[in-house]
Protein backbone atom coordinates (compact mmCIF):
# COMPACT_ATOMS: atom_id res chain seq x y z
CA MET A 1 -20.42 11.91 -9.28
CA MET A 2 -23.66 12.26 -7.25
CA ARG A 3 -25.29 9.38 -8.09
CA GLY A 4 -22.35 7.41 -7.21
CA ALA A 5 -21.92 8.99 -4.12
CA ARG A 6 -25.32 8.46 -3.09
CA ARG A 7 -25.68 4.77 -4.87
CA TYR A 8 -22.41 3.60 -2.63
CA SER A 9 -23.26 5.47 0.40
CA ALA A 10 -26.66 4.18 0.72
CA ARG A 11 -24.70 0.17 1.28
CA PRO A 12 -25.52 -0.88 4.50
CA TRP A 13 -21.90 -1.34 4.93
CA PHE A 14 -20.51 2.34 4.23
CA THR A 15 -21.41 3.83 7.50
CA PRO A 16 -19.72 1.54 9.63
CA LEU A 17 -16.49 2.11 7.49
CA ALA A 18 -16.86 5.48 7.32
CA GLY A 19 -16.43 5.39 11.34
CA LEU A 20 -13.60 3.23 11.12
CA ALA A 21 -12.05 6.17 8.95
CA THR A 22 -12.67 8.58 11.49
CA ALA A 23 -11.18 5.88 13.86
CA LEU A 24 -7.64 5.41 11.47
CA ASP A 25 -7.91 9.79 11.72
CA SER A 26 -6.18 9.87 14.43
CA PHE A 27 -3.82 7.89 13.62
CA ALA A 28 -3.27 9.85 10.18
CA PRO A 29 -5.10 13.31 10.12
CA LEU A 30 -5.25 13.39 6.46
CA MET A 31 -8.81 12.08 5.84
CA PRO A 32 -11.96 14.14 5.68
CA THR A 33 -13.72 12.44 7.68
CA GLN A 34 -15.82 15.84 8.54
CA THR A 35 -16.16 16.47 4.92
CA LEU A 36 -17.36 12.70 5.14
CA LEU A 37 -19.73 13.26 7.68
CA VAL A 38 -21.72 16.26 6.22
CA THR A 39 -22.13 15.10 2.98
CA LEU A 40 -23.36 11.60 4.56
CA GLY A 41 -25.98 13.31 6.25
CA ALA A 42 -26.69 15.63 3.38
CA LEU A 43 -27.39 12.30 1.57
CA HIS A 44 -29.40 10.70 3.37
CA PRO A 45 -31.03 13.23 6.05
CA HIS A 46 -33.35 10.04 7.47
CA ARG A 47 -30.29 8.37 8.98
CA TRP A 48 -28.55 11.32 10.33
CA LEU A 49 -28.22 9.73 13.98
CA VAL A 50 -27.24 6.45 12.92
CA THR A 51 -24.56 8.20 11.03
CA GLY A 52 -23.41 10.55 13.78
CA LEU A 53 -23.23 7.71 16.28
CA TRP A 54 -20.87 5.32 13.67
CA PHE A 55 -18.83 8.84 13.20
CA ALA A 56 -19.08 9.55 17.68
CA LEU A 57 -17.56 5.74 18.04
CA GLY A 58 -15.15 5.89 15.70
CA GLY A 59 -13.53 9.13 17.20
CA ALA A 60 -14.04 7.96 20.59
CA ALA A 61 -12.32 4.43 20.07
CA GLY A 62 -8.91 6.04 17.78
CA ALA A 63 -8.84 8.33 20.55
CA ALA A 64 -8.21 5.77 23.17
CA SER A 65 -6.02 3.56 20.78
CA MET A 66 -4.27 6.81 20.74
CA ALA A 67 -3.81 6.77 24.11
CA LEU A 68 -3.46 3.37 24.37
CA VAL A 69 -0.13 3.58 21.91
CA VAL A 70 1.15 6.73 23.73
CA GLU A 71 0.62 5.21 26.91
CA THR A 72 2.35 1.53 25.74
CA TRP A 73 4.92 2.25 23.48
CA ILE A 74 5.79 5.74 24.15
CA PRO A 75 6.45 7.01 27.65
CA GLU A 76 10.02 7.87 27.13
CA ALA A 77 9.62 9.93 24.48
CA VAL A 78 6.64 11.98 26.00
CA GLU A 79 9.24 12.97 29.18
CA ARG A 80 12.18 13.70 26.87
CA PHE A 81 9.44 16.48 25.19
CA MET A 82 8.26 17.52 28.07
CA ALA A 83 11.90 18.05 29.67
CA GLY A 84 11.97 20.45 32.30
CA GLN A 85 8.38 21.12 32.99
CA GLU A 86 7.91 17.86 35.28
CA SER A 87 8.56 20.82 37.80
CA GLY A 88 5.22 22.25 37.80
CA SER A 89 2.20 21.29 40.09
CA TRP A 90 -0.14 20.59 37.15
CA TRP A 91 2.32 18.07 36.21
CA HIS A 92 2.91 16.31 39.17
CA THR A 93 -1.41 15.84 39.00
CA VAL A 94 -1.42 14.99 35.60
CA ARG A 95 1.53 12.32 36.07
CA GLU A 96 -0.43 10.95 39.07
CA LEU A 97 -3.51 10.43 37.31
CA VAL A 98 -2.22 9.00 34.27
CA GLU A 99 0.07 6.38 36.64
CA SER A 100 -3.02 5.09 38.88
CA HIS A 101 -5.69 5.38 35.44
CA GLY A 102 -3.33 4.66 32.40
CA ALA A 103 -5.15 5.09 29.12
CA TRP A 104 -8.64 5.96 31.32
CA ALA A 105 -6.88 9.19 32.64
CA LEU A 106 -5.78 10.76 29.18
CA PHE A 107 -8.89 9.73 27.55
CA LEU A 108 -10.25 11.95 30.27
CA LEU A 109 -7.63 14.61 30.01
């Protein structure tokens, strides 16, 4: 099994595909992306930087796309979920940030 894993993970398309899986993990958190990252690092220690960068890029893209989905399609659901909490000063600060900066504010928060 390890020979098959080493063979497929050595292909040039495998690491970017694993980064894409990390991006999709924001929407379906059932994928074992941390295990995949550790396994790839152990199988190919000379490529740890490239592997880490692809996983970081995938994680950032997934988080930004999830923030964009929430900002675009779910504002009413978020307001219903937060009902009664909008009287706090922290809520006003967060709401002003999101209204003025959109997905970037969610990314930074």
